[in-house]
Amino acid sequence: MGSAADDGGSRWPACANAPLDLAYLRRFTHGNVALEREVLQLFAMQLPVSLAELRSAATPKAWREWSHTIKGSAAAVGAKRVAAVALAAEQLDFADGEARAAALTALGAAADEVCRLIASIGGGSAASELLVFKGNAG
């Protein structure tokens, strides 16, 4: 599977690892699987709302604030691919409409991917283990 953030080799960061780092999240939930799932479900419910706000951002300030919000919430739960693409979006030139459109496409793809994975976690630990970055597997 190609990178969800790849738009033909341009400026959007590619992340070769899984889109969700559960080992990272588990450090903060102290291994509490129920809490982990609740946090991920809340993230997955809020992400489309934040993306809608970003899509409707009419000023550079609003664009930066919503990109930053997405970046922070994604980083907090270990959704590193979404966080990386949101960081790139936060730093782009708002006046460049093509760059904004590409950022929204890349963010949408990364968000869709991570939300599908979050939805699959409800099936048990076997699904969860597939989402852990190889570098964090111990």
N, C-alpha and C. Protein backbone atom coordinates (compact mmCIF):
# COMPACT_ATOMS: atom_id res chain seq x y z
N MET A 1 0.85 -1.17 0.00
CA MET A 1 0.00 0.00 0.00
C MET A 1 0.89 1.23 0.00
N GLY A 2 0.59 2.20 -0.86
CA GLY A 2 1.37 3.42 -0.92
C GLY A 2 1.02 4.34 0.23
N SER A 3 1.81 5.36 0.36
CA SER A 3 1.56 6.32 1.43
C SER A 3 0.29 7.10 1.16
N ALA A 4 -0.52 7.21 2.18
CA ALA A 4 -1.75 7.99 2.05
C ALA A 4 -1.45 9.45 1.81
N ALA A 5 -0.27 9.87 2.18
CA ALA A 5 0.08 11.28 2.05
C ALA A 5 0.82 11.58 0.75
N ASP A 6 0.95 10.61 -0.14
CA ASP A 6 1.71 10.80 -1.36
C ASP A 6 0.81 11.38 -2.44
N ASP A 7 1.17 12.53 -2.97
CA ASP A 7 0.40 13.11 -4.05
C ASP A 7 1.28 13.28 -5.28
N GLY A 8 2.02 12.23 -5.59
CA GLY A 8 2.86 12.26 -6.77
C GLY A 8 4.26 12.76 -6.50
N GLY A 9 4.74 12.61 -5.29
CA GLY A 9 6.12 12.96 -5.00
C GLY A 9 6.34 14.41 -4.64
N SER A 10 5.30 15.16 -4.35
CA SER A 10 5.49 16.56 -4.00
C SER A 10 5.89 16.72 -2.55
N ARG A 11 5.53 17.83 -1.96
CA ARG A 11 6.00 18.20 -0.63
C ARG A 11 5.34 17.45 0.52
N TRP A 12 4.32 16.64 0.30
CA TRP A 12 3.62 16.00 1.41
C TRP A 12 4.44 14.85 1.95
N PRO A 13 4.61 14.81 3.26
CA PRO A 13 5.49 13.80 3.86
C PRO A 13 4.94 12.40 3.69
N ALA A 14 5.83 11.51 3.30
CA ALA A 14 5.48 10.10 3.22
C ALA A 14 5.96 9.45 4.51
N CYS A 15 5.20 8.55 5.03
CA CYS A 15 5.54 7.87 6.27
C CYS A 15 5.47 6.38 5.99
N ALA A 16 6.59 5.70 5.99
CA ALA A 16 6.65 4.29 5.60
C ALA A 16 6.04 3.39 6.66
N ASN A 17 5.87 3.88 7.86
CA ASN A 17 5.36 3.06 8.95
C ASN A 17 3.83 3.06 8.98
N ALA A 18 3.30 2.21 9.83
CA ALA A 18 1.85 2.14 10.02
C ALA A 18 1.31 3.50 10.44
N PRO A 19 0.07 3.79 10.11
CA PRO A 19 -0.48 5.11 10.41
C PRO A 19 -0.81 5.35 11.88
N LEU A 20 -0.74 4.31 12.70
CA LEU A 20 -1.10 4.46 14.10
C LEU A 20 -0.08 3.72 14.97
N ASP A 21 0.47 4.43 15.92
CA ASP A 21 1.48 3.89 16.82
C ASP A 21 0.83 3.63 18.18
N LEU A 22 0.31 2.43 18.35
CA LEU A 22 -0.38 2.12 19.60
C LEU A 22 0.58 2.00 20.78
N ALA A 23 1.81 1.62 20.52
CA ALA A 23 2.78 1.54 21.61
C ALA A 23 2.96 2.92 22.25
N TYR A 24 2.96 3.96 21.42
CA TYR A 24 3.07 5.32 21.92
C TYR A 24 1.87 5.66 22.81
N LEU A 25 0.66 5.37 22.31
CA LEU A 25 -0.55 5.65 23.07
C LEU A 25 -0.60 4.85 24.37
N ARG A 26 -0.17 3.61 24.32
CA ARG A 26 -0.22 2.75 25.50
C ARG A 26 0.66 3.26 26.64
N ARG A 27 1.70 4.00 26.32
CA ARG A 27 2.52 4.58 27.39
C ARG A 27 1.69 5.55 28.23
N PHE A 28 0.75 6.24 27.61
CA PHE A 28 -0.05 7.23 28.32
C PHE A 28 -1.31 6.64 28.93
N THR A 29 -1.75 5.50 28.43
CA THR A 29 -2.94 4.86 28.99
C THR A 29 -2.54 3.75 29.96
N HIS A 30 -1.25 3.59 30.15
CA HIS A 30 -0.71 2.57 31.07
C HIS A 30 -1.27 1.19 30.75
N GLY A 31 -1.44 0.92 29.46
CA GLY A 31 -1.91 -0.39 29.02
C GLY A 31 -3.39 -0.62 29.21
N ASN A 32 -4.15 0.40 29.57
CA ASN A 32 -5.59 0.27 29.76
C ASN A 32 -6.25 0.26 28.38
N VAL A 33 -6.59 -0.94 27.89
CA VAL A 33 -7.11 -1.11 26.54
C VAL A 33 -8.45 -0.38 26.36
N ALA A 34 -9.29 -0.41 27.38
CA ALA A 34 -10.58 0.29 27.28
C ALA A 34 -10.37 1.79 27.12
N LEU A 35 -9.46 2.36 27.88
CA LEU A 35 -9.16 3.77 27.76
C LEU A 35 -8.55 4.08 26.40
N GLU A 36 -7.66 3.22 25.94
CA GLU A 36 -7.04 3.38 24.62
C GLU A 36 -8.12 3.44 23.53
N ARG A 37 -9.05 2.51 23.59
CA ARG A 37 -10.11 2.49 22.58
C ARG A 37 -11.00 3.72 22.67
N GLU A 38 -11.30 4.15 23.89
CA GLU A 38 -12.13 5.34 24.07
C GLU A 38 -11.45 6.58 23.50
N VAL A 39 -10.17 6.74 23.78
CA VAL A 39 -9.42 7.89 23.28
C VAL A 39 -9.38 7.85 21.74
N LEU A 40 -9.13 6.68 21.18
CA LEU A 40 -9.08 6.56 19.73
C LEU A 40 -10.44 6.83 19.10
N GLN A 41 -11.50 6.35 19.73
CA GLN A 41 -12.85 6.60 19.20
C GLN A 41 -13.18 8.09 19.23
N LEU A 42 -12.80 8.77 20.32
CA LEU A 42 -13.03 10.21 20.40
C LEU A 42 -12.24 10.94 19.32
N PHE A 43 -11.00 10.53 19.11
CA PHE A 43 -10.17 11.13 18.06
C PHE A 43 -10.84 10.92 16.70
N ALA A 44 -11.28 9.70 16.42
CA ALA A 44 -11.90 9.38 15.13
C ALA A 44 -13.21 10.14 14.93
N MET A 45 -13.93 10.42 16.00
CA MET A 45 -15.17 11.19 15.89
C MET A 45 -14.88 12.68 15.65
N GLN A 46 -13.82 13.20 16.25
CA GLN A 46 -13.51 14.63 16.15
C GLN A 46 -12.76 14.96 14.86
N LEU A 47 -11.99 14.02 14.33
CA LEU A 47 -11.15 14.31 13.17
C LEU A 47 -11.96 14.82 11.97
N PRO A 48 -13.07 14.22 11.60
CA PRO A 48 -13.84 14.77 10.47
C PRO A 48 -14.36 16.19 10.73
N VAL A 49 -14.69 16.49 11.97
CA VAL A 49 -15.14 17.83 12.32
C VAL A 49 -14.01 18.83 12.12
N SER A 50 -12.83 18.47 12.60
CA SER A 50 -11.66 19.35 12.44
C SER A 50 -11.29 19.53 10.97
N LEU A 51 -11.37 18.45 10.20
CA LEU A 51 -11.08 18.55 8.76
C LEU A 51 -12.09 19.46 8.05
N ALA A 52 -13.35 19.39 8.45
CA ALA A 52 -14.37 20.26 7.86
C ALA A 52 -14.06 21.72 8.18
N GLU A 53 -13.62 21.98 9.39
CA GLU A 53 -13.24 23.35 9.77
C GLU A 53 -12.04 23.81 8.95
N LEU A 54 -11.08 22.92 8.74
CA LEU A 54 -9.90 23.28 7.94
C LEU A 54 -10.33 23.57 6.50
N ARG A 55 -11.20 22.75 5.94
CA ARG A 55 -11.68 22.97 4.57
C ARG A 55 -12.35 24.34 4.43
N SER A 56 -13.03 24.78 5.47
CA SER A 56 -13.74 26.06 5.38
C SER A 56 -12.91 27.24 5.87
N ALA A 57 -11.67 27.01 6.23
CA ALA A 57 -10.80 28.10 6.71
C ALA A 57 -10.67 29.17 5.62
N ALA A 58 -11.03 30.39 5.97
CA ALA A 58 -11.03 31.48 5.00
C ALA A 58 -9.85 32.43 5.18
N THR A 59 -9.06 32.23 6.22
CA THR A 59 -7.92 33.11 6.48
C THR A 59 -6.69 32.26 6.79
N PRO A 60 -5.51 32.82 6.59
CA PRO A 60 -4.30 32.09 6.95
C PRO A 60 -4.28 31.69 8.43
N LYS A 61 -4.79 32.57 9.28
CA LYS A 61 -4.81 32.28 10.71
C LYS A 61 -5.70 31.07 11.01
N ALA A 62 -6.88 31.03 10.45
CA ALA A 62 -7.79 29.90 10.67
C ALA A 62 -7.18 28.61 10.12
N TRP A 63 -6.56 28.69 8.96
CA TRP A 63 -5.90 27.51 8.36
C TRP A 63 -4.82 26.97 9.30
N ARG A 64 -3.97 27.88 9.77
CA ARG A 64 -2.88 27.45 10.67
C ARG A 64 -3.43 26.87 11.97
N GLU A 65 -4.45 27.51 12.53
CA GLU A 65 -5.01 27.03 13.80
C GLU A 65 -5.63 25.64 13.65
N TRP A 66 -6.38 25.41 12.57
CA TRP A 66 -7.00 24.09 12.39
C TRP A 66 -5.98 23.04 12.02
N SER A 67 -4.98 23.39 11.21
CA SER A 67 -3.90 22.45 10.90
C SER A 67 -3.17 22.07 12.18
N HIS A 68 -2.91 23.07 13.00
CA HIS A 68 -2.20 22.85 14.25
C HIS A 68 -3.03 21.97 15.20
N THR A 69 -4.32 22.21 15.25
CA THR A 69 -5.22 21.41 16.09
C THR A 69 -5.19 19.95 15.66
N ILE A 70 -5.29 19.72 14.36
CA ILE A 70 -5.26 18.36 13.83
C ILE A 70 -3.92 17.71 14.14
N LYS A 71 -2.85 18.45 13.91
CA LYS A 71 -1.51 17.93 14.19
C LYS A 71 -1.37 17.51 15.64
N GLY A 72 -1.81 18.36 16.55
CA GLY A 72 -1.66 18.07 17.97
C GLY A 72 -2.48 16.89 18.42
N SER A 73 -3.73 16.83 17.99
CA SER A 73 -4.57 15.71 18.43
C SER A 73 -4.08 14.40 17.82
N ALA A 74 -3.63 14.44 16.58
CA ALA A 74 -3.11 13.22 15.94
C ALA A 74 -1.83 12.76 16.64
N ALA A 75 -0.95 13.68 16.93
CA ALA A 75 0.29 13.32 17.61
C ALA A 75 0.01 12.74 18.99
N ALA A 76 -0.98 13.28 19.67
CA ALA A 76 -1.30 12.83 21.03
C ALA A 76 -1.75 11.38 21.09
N VAL A 77 -2.39 10.90 20.02
CA VAL A 77 -2.87 9.51 20.03
C VAL A 77 -1.96 8.57 19.25
N GLY A 78 -0.90 9.09 18.67
CA GLY A 78 0.02 8.24 17.91
C GLY A 78 -0.34 8.11 16.44
N ALA A 79 -1.20 8.98 15.93
CA ALA A 79 -1.55 8.98 14.50
C ALA A 79 -0.50 9.82 13.77
N LYS A 80 0.69 9.25 13.67
CA LYS A 80 1.84 10.02 13.21
C LYS A 80 1.76 10.45 11.76
N ARG A 81 1.14 9.66 10.91
CA ARG A 81 1.00 10.04 9.51
C ARG A 81 0.10 11.26 9.39
N VAL A 82 -1.02 11.26 10.07
CA VAL A 82 -1.92 12.42 10.05
C VAL A 82 -1.18 13.63 10.62
N ALA A 83 -0.45 13.45 11.70
CA ALA A 83 0.28 14.56 12.32
C ALA A 83 1.32 15.14 11.36
N ALA A 84 2.03 14.28 10.64
CA ALA A 84 3.06 14.75 9.71
C ALA A 84 2.45 15.54 8.56
N VAL A 85 1.35 15.06 8.03
CA VAL A 85 0.70 15.76 6.92
C VAL A 85 0.09 17.08 7.43
N ALA A 86 -0.47 17.08 8.63
CA ALA A 86 -1.02 18.31 9.20
C ALA A 86 0.07 19.34 9.45
N LEU A 87 1.25 18.89 9.87
CA LEU A 87 2.37 19.82 10.07
C LEU A 87 2.75 20.47 8.74
N ALA A 88 2.83 19.67 7.69
CA ALA A 88 3.15 20.24 6.37
C ALA A 88 2.07 21.23 5.94
N ALA A 89 0.81 20.91 6.22
CA ALA A 89 -0.29 21.82 5.88
C ALA A 89 -0.18 23.12 6.67
N GLU A 90 0.16 22.99 7.94
CA GLU A 90 0.29 24.17 8.80
C GLU A 90 1.34 25.14 8.28
N GLN A 91 2.37 24.60 7.66
CA GLN A 91 3.50 25.42 7.23
C GLN A 91 3.39 25.94 5.79
N LEU A 92 2.37 25.53 5.07
CA LEU A 92 2.29 25.94 3.67
C LEU A 92 1.86 27.39 3.53
N ASP A 93 2.05 27.93 2.34
CA ASP A 93 1.64 29.29 2.03
C ASP A 93 0.14 29.28 1.73
N PHE A 94 -0.65 29.88 2.60
CA PHE A 94 -2.10 29.88 2.46
C PHE A 94 -2.55 30.45 1.12
N ALA A 95 -1.80 31.39 0.58
CA ALA A 95 -2.17 32.01 -0.69
C ALA A 95 -2.09 31.03 -1.87
N ASP A 96 -1.41 29.92 -1.69
CA ASP A 96 -1.25 28.91 -2.74
C ASP A 96 -2.43 27.93 -2.68
N GLY A 97 -3.44 28.22 -3.47
CA GLY A 97 -4.65 27.42 -3.48
C GLY A 97 -4.41 25.97 -3.86
N GLU A 98 -3.48 25.73 -4.78
CA GLU A 98 -3.15 24.35 -5.16
C GLU A 98 -2.53 23.59 -4.00
N ALA A 99 -1.69 24.26 -3.24
CA ALA A 99 -1.06 23.62 -2.08
C ALA A 99 -2.12 23.29 -1.02
N ARG A 100 -3.06 24.20 -0.82
CA ARG A 100 -4.13 23.92 0.14
C ARG A 100 -4.98 22.74 -0.31
N ALA A 101 -5.30 22.68 -1.59
CA ALA A 101 -6.10 21.57 -2.10
C ALA A 101 -5.35 20.25 -1.95
N ALA A 102 -4.05 20.26 -2.25
CA ALA A 102 -3.24 19.05 -2.10
C ALA A 102 -3.16 18.63 -0.63
N ALA A 103 -3.06 19.62 0.26
CA ALA A 103 -3.00 19.32 1.70
C ALA A 103 -4.30 18.68 2.15
N LEU A 104 -5.41 19.21 1.70
CA LEU A 104 -6.71 18.65 2.09
C LEU A 104 -6.87 17.22 1.55
N THR A 105 -6.39 16.98 0.35
CA THR A 105 -6.46 15.63 -0.22
C THR A 105 -5.60 14.67 0.59
N ALA A 106 -4.38 15.09 0.89
CA ALA A 106 -3.47 14.24 1.65
C ALA A 106 -3.99 14.00 3.06
N LEU A 107 -4.49 15.04 3.71
CA LEU A 107 -5.05 14.88 5.05
C LEU A 107 -6.28 13.99 5.05
N GLY A 108 -7.12 14.17 4.05
CA GLY A 108 -8.31 13.33 3.94
C GLY A 108 -7.96 11.86 3.80
N ALA A 109 -6.97 11.56 2.98
CA ALA A 109 -6.55 10.17 2.78
C ALA A 109 -5.95 9.59 4.05
N ALA A 110 -5.09 10.36 4.71
CA ALA A 110 -4.47 9.88 5.95
C ALA A 110 -5.52 9.70 7.04
N ALA A 111 -6.46 10.63 7.12
CA ALA A 111 -7.53 10.54 8.13
C ALA A 111 -8.42 9.33 7.87
N ASP A 112 -8.77 9.12 6.62
CA ASP A 112 -9.61 7.97 6.27
C ASP A 112 -8.91 6.67 6.66
N GLU A 113 -7.63 6.60 6.36
CA GLU A 113 -6.87 5.39 6.68
C GLU A 113 -6.83 5.13 8.19
N VAL A 114 -6.52 6.15 8.97
CA VAL A 114 -6.40 5.94 10.40
C VAL A 114 -7.77 5.67 11.02
N CYS A 115 -8.81 6.30 10.52
CA CYS A 115 -10.15 6.05 11.06
C CYS A 115 -10.62 4.62 10.76
N ARG A 116 -10.28 4.11 9.58
CA ARG A 116 -10.60 2.70 9.27
C ARG A 116 -9.86 1.77 10.23
N LEU A 117 -8.62 2.07 10.50
CA LEU A 117 -7.85 1.23 11.42
C LEU A 117 -8.40 1.30 12.84
N ILE A 118 -8.78 2.48 13.27
CA ILE A 118 -9.37 2.63 14.61
C ILE A 118 -10.65 1.81 14.69
N ALA A 119 -11.47 1.85 13.65
CA ALA A 119 -12.71 1.08 13.65
C ALA A 119 -12.44 -0.41 13.74
N SER A 120 -11.33 -0.86 13.19
CA SER A 120 -11.01 -2.29 13.20
C SER A 120 -10.48 -2.77 14.56
N ILE A 121 -10.06 -1.86 15.41
CA ILE A 121 -9.47 -2.23 16.69
C ILE A 121 -10.49 -2.88 17.62
N GLY A 122 -11.73 -2.55 17.48
CA GLY A 122 -12.76 -3.11 18.35
C GLY A 122 -12.80 -4.63 18.34
N GLY A 123 -12.20 -5.27 17.34
CA GLY A 123 -12.23 -6.72 17.22
C GLY A 123 -11.29 -7.45 18.15
N GLY A 124 -10.39 -6.76 18.82
CA GLY A 124 -9.50 -7.44 19.74
C GLY A 124 -8.05 -7.07 19.53
N SER A 125 -7.19 -7.71 20.31
CA SER A 125 -5.78 -7.33 20.31
C SER A 125 -5.07 -7.73 19.03
N ALA A 126 -5.53 -8.73 18.31
CA ALA A 126 -4.85 -9.13 17.07
C ALA A 126 -4.86 -7.97 16.07
N ALA A 127 -6.00 -7.30 15.94
CA ALA A 127 -6.08 -6.15 15.03
C ALA A 127 -5.19 -5.03 15.54
N SER A 128 -5.17 -4.81 16.84
CA SER A 128 -4.36 -3.74 17.42
C SER A 128 -2.88 -3.94 17.15
N GLU A 129 -2.42 -5.15 17.24
CA GLU A 129 -1.00 -5.40 17.07
C GLU A 129 -0.51 -5.07 15.67
N LEU A 130 -1.38 -5.13 14.67
CA LEU A 130 -0.99 -4.79 13.32
C LEU A 130 -0.68 -3.31 13.16
N LEU A 131 -1.14 -2.49 14.08
CA LEU A 131 -1.03 -1.05 13.96
C LEU A 131 0.22 -0.48 14.62
N VAL A 132 0.93 -1.28 15.36
CA VAL A 132 2.08 -0.79 16.10
C VAL A 132 3.25 -0.62 15.13
N PHE A 133 3.92 0.52 15.20
CA PHE A 133 5.10 0.74 14.37
C PHE A 133 6.10 -0.37 14.61
N LYS A 134 6.72 -0.84 13.54
CA LYS A 134 7.74 -1.89 13.67
C LYS A 134 8.87 -1.42 14.59
N GLY A 135 9.23 -0.18 14.53
CA GLY A 135 10.30 0.34 15.35
C GLY A 135 9.97 0.34 16.83
N ASN A 136 8.71 0.27 17.19
CA ASN A 136 8.31 0.27 18.59
C ASN A 136 7.96 -1.10 19.11
N ALA A 137 7.88 -2.08 18.22
CA ALA A 137 7.55 -3.42 18.66
C ALA A 137 8.72 -3.96 19.47
N GLY A 138 8.41 -4.60 20.56
CA GLY A 138 9.52 -5.02 21.42
C GLY A 138 9.53 -6.44 21.75
